[in-house]
Amino acid sequence: MLELGIGREAWIAHGGAKVLLEAAAWSPSWDGKTAFLVFLSVVGPREAVRAVLAGWATGKSLSVHLEGKAFQGERRSYGKTRYATHRLGRLYHGVGYEEGYYFARERDDRKAALWLSRKVEAPVHPDWVERLLPEIGLQTYRMFALAPLSSWKYERLLKEAILHEEVSS
């Protein structure tokens, strides 16, 4: 029997399949009981990895356990998804994500600002990433992720920030 060490840190399950959760990004639901998963990186036996990714891709509820905390996770019913599995010796690594989001292993405000600039079709200074995090930052496990930002929302946030700076000076 292959020992995965499941139960020590982070894992995710769907049906009878249970795999290690290597990284994830999500936004909480309005009621705070469910998380909308937009990125999954999982490791485990081939069939378990495929079952979890297939459950996520079809919008099924997944049981997520992170460092002693548990919650239900699912994919929103809109947005284009991509997923793939790759063999890692005796195990498989699977990645699933929704297009349109920014994903990185670690935070780099310069790269995040460049991604945001392309999304809103206007310049975004790297210093602005910190100010925009309350609006577009996602909850993550072992990664950094941003949600898409529309140009009209960026313009509104920019005006509010300018007004706030004028008032406080």
C-alpha atoms as a PDB file:
ATOM      1  CA  MET A   1       0.000   0.000   0.000  1.00  0.00           C
ATOM      2  CA  LEU A   2       1.303   3.434  -0.966  1.00  0.00           C
ATOM      3  CA  GLU A   3       1.597   5.821   1.996  1.00  0.00           C
ATOM      4  CA  LEU A   4       0.584   9.388   1.119  1.00  0.00           C
ATOM      5  CA  GLY A   5       0.772  10.960   4.555  1.00  0.00           C
ATOM      6  CA  ILE A   6      -2.836  12.152   4.173  1.00  0.00           C
ATOM      7  CA  GLY A   7      -4.155  13.709   7.348  1.00  0.00           C
ATOM      8  CA  ARG A   8      -1.030  15.558   8.400  1.00  0.00           C
ATOM      9  CA  GLU A   9      -1.465  18.855   6.599  1.00  0.00           C
ATOM     10  CA  ALA A  10      -3.883  19.283   3.696  1.00  0.00           C
ATOM     11  CA  TRP A  11      -6.094  16.999   1.638  1.00  0.00           C
ATOM     12  CA  ILE A  12      -9.189  17.090  -0.511  1.00  0.00           C
ATOM     13  CA  ALA A  13     -11.796  14.409  -1.143  1.00  0.00           C
ATOM     14  CA  HIS A  14     -14.646  13.699  -3.539  1.00  0.00           C
ATOM     15  CA  GLY A  15     -16.720  10.558  -3.265  1.00  0.00           C
ATOM     16  CA  GLY A  16     -14.346   7.850  -2.123  1.00  0.00           C
ATOM     17  CA  ALA A  17     -11.252   9.545  -3.594  1.00  0.00           C
ATOM     18  CA  LYS A  18      -8.830  11.370  -1.280  1.00  0.00           C
ATOM     19  CA  VAL A  19      -5.653  13.172  -2.414  1.00  0.00           C
ATOM     20  CA  LEU A  20      -3.029  15.505  -1.009  1.00  0.00           C
ATOM     21  CA  LEU A  21      -3.728  19.184  -1.624  1.00  0.00           C
ATOM     22  CA  GLU A  22      -0.488  20.739  -2.832  1.00  0.00           C
ATOM     23  CA  ALA A  23      -1.880  24.265  -3.477  1.00  0.00           C
ATOM     24  CA  ALA A  24      -5.268  25.955  -3.863  1.00  0.00           C
ATOM     25  CA  ALA A  25      -6.986  29.304  -4.386  1.00  0.00           C
ATOM     26  CA  TRP A  26     -10.602  30.157  -3.620  1.00  0.00           C
ATOM     27  CA  SER A  27     -13.061  32.918  -2.869  1.00  0.00           C
ATOM     28  CA  PRO A  28     -15.532  32.445  -0.025  1.00  0.00           C
ATOM     29  CA  SER A  29     -19.265  32.315  -0.706  1.00  0.00           C
ATOM     30  CA  TRP A  30     -21.601  34.967   0.656  1.00  0.00           C
ATOM     31  CA  ASP A  31     -22.695  32.719   3.525  1.00  0.00           C
ATOM     32  CA  GLY A  32     -19.091  31.737   4.344  1.00  0.00           C
ATOM     33  CA  LYS A  33     -19.922  28.008   4.368  1.00  0.00           C
ATOM     34  CA  THR A  34     -18.644  27.124   0.901  1.00  0.00           C
ATOM     35  CA  ALA A  35     -15.503  28.099  -0.969  1.00  0.00           C
ATOM     36  CA  PHE A  36     -15.490  28.649  -4.732  1.00  0.00           C
ATOM     37  CA  LEU A  37     -12.304  26.897  -5.824  1.00  0.00           C
ATOM     38  CA  VAL A  38     -10.562  28.481  -8.814  1.00  0.00           C
ATOM     39  CA  PHE A  39      -7.253  26.582  -8.595  1.00  0.00           C
ATOM     40  CA  LEU A  40      -6.325  23.086  -7.394  1.00  0.00           C
ATOM     41  CA  SER A  41      -2.992  21.297  -7.374  1.00  0.00           C
ATOM     42  CA  VAL A  42      -3.312  17.744  -6.024  1.00  0.00           C
ATOM     43  CA  VAL A  43      -1.106  14.659  -5.697  1.00  0.00           C
ATOM     44  CA  GLY A  44      -2.145  11.031  -5.290  1.00  0.00           C
ATOM     45  CA  PRO A  45      -2.990   7.806  -7.105  1.00  0.00           C
ATOM     46  CA  ARG A  46      -4.083   8.316 -10.722  1.00  0.00           C
ATOM     47  CA  GLU A  47      -7.761   7.417 -10.292  1.00  0.00           C
ATOM     48  CA  ALA A  48      -8.126   9.504  -7.120  1.00  0.00           C
ATOM     49  CA  VAL A  49      -6.542  12.569  -8.778  1.00  0.00           C
ATOM     50  CA  ARG A  50      -8.799  12.160 -11.804  1.00  0.00           C
ATOM     51  CA  ALA A  51     -11.908  11.708  -9.616  1.00  0.00           C
ATOM     52  CA  VAL A  52     -11.219  14.852  -7.592  1.00  0.00           C
ATOM     53  CA  LEU A  53     -10.478  16.965 -10.685  1.00  0.00           C
ATOM     54  CA  ALA A  54     -13.535  15.590 -12.503  1.00  0.00           C
ATOM     55  CA  GLY A  55     -15.712  16.357  -9.474  1.00  0.00           C
ATOM     56  CA  TRP A  56     -14.325  19.900  -9.335  1.00  0.00           C
ATOM     57  CA  ALA A  57     -14.705  20.459 -13.095  1.00  0.00           C
ATOM     58  CA  THR A  58     -18.362  19.360 -13.037  1.00  0.00           C
ATOM     59  CA  GLY A  59     -19.238  21.578 -10.050  1.00  0.00           C
ATOM     60  CA  LYS A  60     -19.592  18.828  -7.460  1.00  0.00           C
ATOM     61  CA  SER A  61     -18.989  19.535  -3.781  1.00  0.00           C
ATOM     62  CA  LEU A  62     -15.510  18.644  -2.491  1.00  0.00           C
ATOM     63  CA  SER A  63     -14.411  18.187   1.109  1.00  0.00           C
ATOM     64  CA  VAL A  64     -11.340  20.364   1.756  1.00  0.00           C
ATOM     65  CA  HIS A  65      -9.161  19.947   4.864  1.00  0.00           C
ATOM     66  CA  LEU A  66      -6.408  22.485   5.501  1.00  0.00           C
ATOM     67  CA  GLU A  67      -4.255  22.257   8.618  1.00  0.00           C
ATOM     68  CA  GLY A  68      -7.091  21.072  10.846  1.00  0.00           C
ATOM     69  CA  LYS A  69      -9.832  23.228   9.297  1.00  0.00           C
ATOM     70  CA  ALA A  70     -12.501  21.734   7.055  1.00  0.00           C
ATOM     71  CA  PHE A  71     -14.879  23.324   4.544  1.00  0.00           C
ATOM     72  CA  GLN A  72     -16.855  22.471   1.416  1.00  0.00           C
ATOM     73  CA  GLY A  73     -15.419  23.600  -1.903  1.00  0.00           C
ATOM     74  CA  GLU A  74     -16.877  23.699  -5.396  1.00  0.00           C
ATOM     75  CA  ARG A  75     -16.334  25.325  -8.762  1.00  0.00           C
ATOM     76  CA  ARG A  76     -18.604  28.107  -9.876  1.00  0.00           C
ATOM     77  CA  SER A  77     -20.803  27.178 -12.794  1.00  0.00           C
ATOM     78  CA  TYR A  78     -19.317  29.779 -15.134  1.00  0.00           C
ATOM     79  CA  GLY A  79     -15.869  30.337 -16.551  1.00  0.00           C
ATOM     80  CA  LYS A  80     -13.652  28.213 -18.742  1.00  0.00           C
ATOM     81  CA  THR A  81     -11.660  25.549 -16.924  1.00  0.00           C
ATOM     82  CA  ARG A  82      -8.514  23.654 -17.725  1.00  0.00           C
ATOM     83  CA  TYR A  83      -7.087  20.618 -16.016  1.00  0.00           C
ATOM     84  CA  ALA A  84      -4.372  18.053 -16.609  1.00  0.00           C
ATOM     85  CA  THR A  85      -2.624  15.174 -14.851  1.00  0.00           C
ATOM     86  CA  HIS A  86       1.018  14.118 -15.054  1.00  0.00           C
ATOM     87  CA  ARG A  87       2.814  11.088 -13.713  1.00  0.00           C
ATOM     88  CA  LEU A  88       5.314  11.603 -10.878  1.00  0.00           C
ATOM     89  CA  GLY A  89       6.882   8.195 -10.378  1.00  0.00           C
ATOM     90  CA  ARG A  90       4.225   6.064  -8.650  1.00  0.00           C
ATOM     91  CA  LEU A  91       1.908   9.046  -8.057  1.00  0.00           C
ATOM     92  CA  TYR A  92       0.127  11.557 -10.252  1.00  0.00           C
ATOM     93  CA  HIS A  93       0.017  15.345 -10.035  1.00  0.00           C
ATOM     94  CA  GLY A  94      -3.161  17.054 -11.191  1.00  0.00           C
ATOM     95  CA  VAL A  95      -3.830  20.749 -11.745  1.00  0.00           C
ATOM     96  CA  GLY A  96      -7.185  22.374 -12.420  1.00  0.00           C
ATOM     97  CA  TYR A  97      -7.839  26.099 -12.813  1.00  0.00           C
ATOM     98  CA  GLU A  98     -10.334  28.609 -14.098  1.00  0.00           C
ATOM     99  CA  GLU A  99      -9.068  30.905 -16.846  1.00  0.00           C
ATOM    100  CA  GLY A 100      -8.876  34.638 -16.284  1.00  0.00           C
ATOM    101  CA  TYR A 101      -7.253  34.585 -12.835  1.00  0.00           C
ATOM    102  CA  TYR A 102      -3.642  35.343 -11.868  1.00  0.00           C
ATOM    103  CA  PHE A 103      -1.806  32.432 -10.224  1.00  0.00           C
ATOM    104  CA  ALA A 104       1.763  32.378  -8.906  1.00  0.00           C
ATOM    105  CA  ARG A 105       3.774  30.267  -6.486  1.00  0.00           C
ATOM    106  CA  GLU A 106       4.776  33.395  -4.550  1.00  0.00           C
ATOM    107  CA  ARG A 107       3.815  37.055  -4.497  1.00  0.00           C
ATOM    108  CA  ASP A 108       5.557  39.387  -6.953  1.00  0.00           C
ATOM    109  CA  ASP A 109       3.816  42.773  -7.160  1.00  0.00           C
ATOM    110  CA  ARG A 110       5.629  43.719 -10.372  1.00  0.00           C
ATOM    111  CA  LYS A 111       4.307  40.675 -12.241  1.00  0.00           C
ATOM    112  CA  ALA A 112       0.845  41.043 -10.668  1.00  0.00           C
ATOM    113  CA  ALA A 113       0.730  44.710 -11.758  1.00  0.00           C
ATOM    114  CA  LEU A 114       1.669  43.736 -15.317  1.00  0.00           C
ATOM    115  CA  TRP A 115      -1.146  41.130 -15.363  1.00  0.00           C
ATOM    116  CA  LEU A 116      -3.616  43.689 -13.961  1.00  0.00           C
ATOM    117  CA  SER A 117      -2.510  46.282 -16.541  1.00  0.00           C
ATOM    118  CA  ARG A 118      -3.370  43.854 -19.327  1.00  0.00           C
ATOM    119  CA  LYS A 119      -6.754  43.038 -17.746  1.00  0.00           C
ATOM    120  CA  VAL A 120      -7.898  46.648 -17.240  1.00  0.00           C
ATOM    121  CA  GLU A 121      -6.104  48.015 -20.321  1.00  0.00           C
ATOM    122  CA  ALA A 122      -4.566  50.802 -18.228  1.00  0.00           C
ATOM    123  CA  PRO A 123      -1.285  51.188 -16.338  1.00  0.00           C
ATOM    124  CA  VAL A 124      -1.198  49.687 -12.842  1.00  0.00           C
ATOM    125  CA  HIS A 125       1.804  50.574 -10.697  1.00  0.00           C
ATOM    126  CA  PRO A 126       3.237  47.719  -8.582  1.00  0.00           C
ATOM    127  CA  ASP A 127       2.528  49.776  -5.423  1.00  0.00           C
ATOM    128  CA  TRP A 128      -1.178  49.565  -6.272  1.00  0.00           C
ATOM    129  CA  VAL A 129      -1.313  45.782  -5.924  1.00  0.00           C
ATOM    130  CA  GLU A 130      -1.359  46.126  -2.123  1.00  0.00           C
ATOM    131  CA  ARG A 131      -4.245  48.627  -2.311  1.00  0.00           C
ATOM    132  CA  LEU A 132      -6.245  46.381  -4.662  1.00  0.00           C
ATOM    133  CA  LEU A 133      -5.827  43.176  -2.616  1.00  0.00           C
ATOM    134  CA  PRO A 134      -9.011  43.684  -0.536  1.00  0.00           C
ATOM    135  CA  GLU A 135     -11.003  43.836  -3.801  1.00  0.00           C
ATOM    136  CA  ILE A 136      -9.286  41.146  -5.885  1.00  0.00           C
ATOM    137  CA  GLY A 137      -7.130  39.047  -3.554  1.00  0.00           C
ATOM    138  CA  LEU A 138      -8.196  35.423  -3.153  1.00  0.00           C
ATOM    139  CA  GLN A 139      -7.716  33.161  -0.165  1.00  0.00           C
ATOM    140  CA  THR A 140      -4.915  30.743  -0.903  1.00  0.00           C
ATOM    141  CA  TYR A 141      -2.941  27.796   0.361  1.00  0.00           C
ATOM    142  CA  ARG A 142       0.756  27.742  -0.630  1.00  0.00           C
ATOM    143  CA  MET A 143       0.345  30.189  -3.537  1.00  0.00           C
ATOM    144  CA  PHE A 144      -0.707  33.744  -4.525  1.00  0.00           C
ATOM    145  CA  ALA A 145      -3.776  34.480  -6.651  1.00  0.00           C
ATOM    146  CA  LEU A 146      -5.801  37.445  -7.904  1.00  0.00           C
ATOM    147  CA  ALA A 147      -9.307  37.608  -9.338  1.00  0.00           C
ATOM    148  CA  PRO A 148      -9.973  39.522 -12.555  1.00  0.00           C
ATOM    149  CA  LEU A 149     -10.691  43.231 -12.219  1.00  0.00           C
ATOM    150  CA  SER A 150     -12.834  45.138 -14.712  1.00  0.00           C
ATOM    151  CA  SER A 151     -11.634  48.482 -16.039  1.00  0.00           C
ATOM    152  CA  TRP A 152     -14.662  50.350 -14.629  1.00  0.00           C
ATOM    153  CA  LYS A 153     -14.028  48.916 -11.157  1.00  0.00           C
ATOM    154  CA  TYR A 154     -10.338  49.841 -11.386  1.00  0.00           C
ATOM    155  CA  GLU A 155     -11.299  53.385 -12.389  1.00  0.00           C
ATOM    156  CA  ARG A 156     -13.683  53.632  -9.401  1.00  0.00           C
ATOM    157  CA  LEU A 157     -11.023  52.350  -6.980  1.00  0.00           C
ATOM    158  CA  LEU A 158      -8.465  54.754  -8.423  1.00  0.00           C
ATOM    159  CA  LYS A 159     -10.800  57.745  -7.963  1.00  0.00           C
ATOM    160  CA  GLU A 160     -11.624  56.695  -4.383  1.00  0.00           C
ATOM    161  CA  ALA A 161      -7.928  56.374  -3.543  1.00  0.00           C
ATOM    162  CA  ILE A 162      -7.113  59.781  -5.034  1.00  0.00           C
ATOM    163  CA  LEU A 163      -9.960  61.396  -3.078  1.00  0.00           C
ATOM    164  CA  HIS A 164      -8.868  59.635   0.108  1.00  0.00           C
ATOM    165  CA  GLU A 165      -5.278  60.910  -0.326  1.00  0.00           C
ATOM    166  CA  GLU A 166      -6.508  64.482  -0.981  1.00  0.00           C
ATOM    167  CA  VAL A 167      -8.702  64.420   2.131  1.00  0.00           C
ATOM    168  CA  SER A 168      -5.999  62.981   4.376  1.00  0.00           C
ATOM    169  CA  SER A 169      -3.319  65.483   3.221  1.00  0.00           C
END
